Amino acid sequence: MPLSWYLLVAAALFCLGLYGVLARRNAVAILMGVELMLNAVNINLLAFWRYRYPESPIGPVWSVFVLTVAAAEAAVGLALIISVYRNRDSVVAEELDLLKN
């Protein structure tokens, strides 16, 4: 498969994630959009590694690093969303104004 196919899939995935972040009001959906964007970055990292420097292990190492950051971000984000839901009975991002005042 040519490199451009991987890049097209990653671009489509990133655009879907960006749309999810910008268009959704639900905090969980926004978090899922961020995860889609991070997975698009991983596809790009692995595709460029495979086609440019397959002898170097730096591509998969960065990919594992991005996956680790994504997992930590999801865990902290979901914990925050659950905490907010327990206190406010809502996960609508526009209504989350706890830091105001």
Foldseek 3Di string as FASTA:
>chain_A
DDLVVLLVVLVVLLVQLVCQLPPDQFLVSVLVSVLSNLVSVLSNLVSCCVPPPVPDPPSVVVSVVSVVVSVVCVVVSVVVQVVCCVVPVGRGNVPPPPPDD
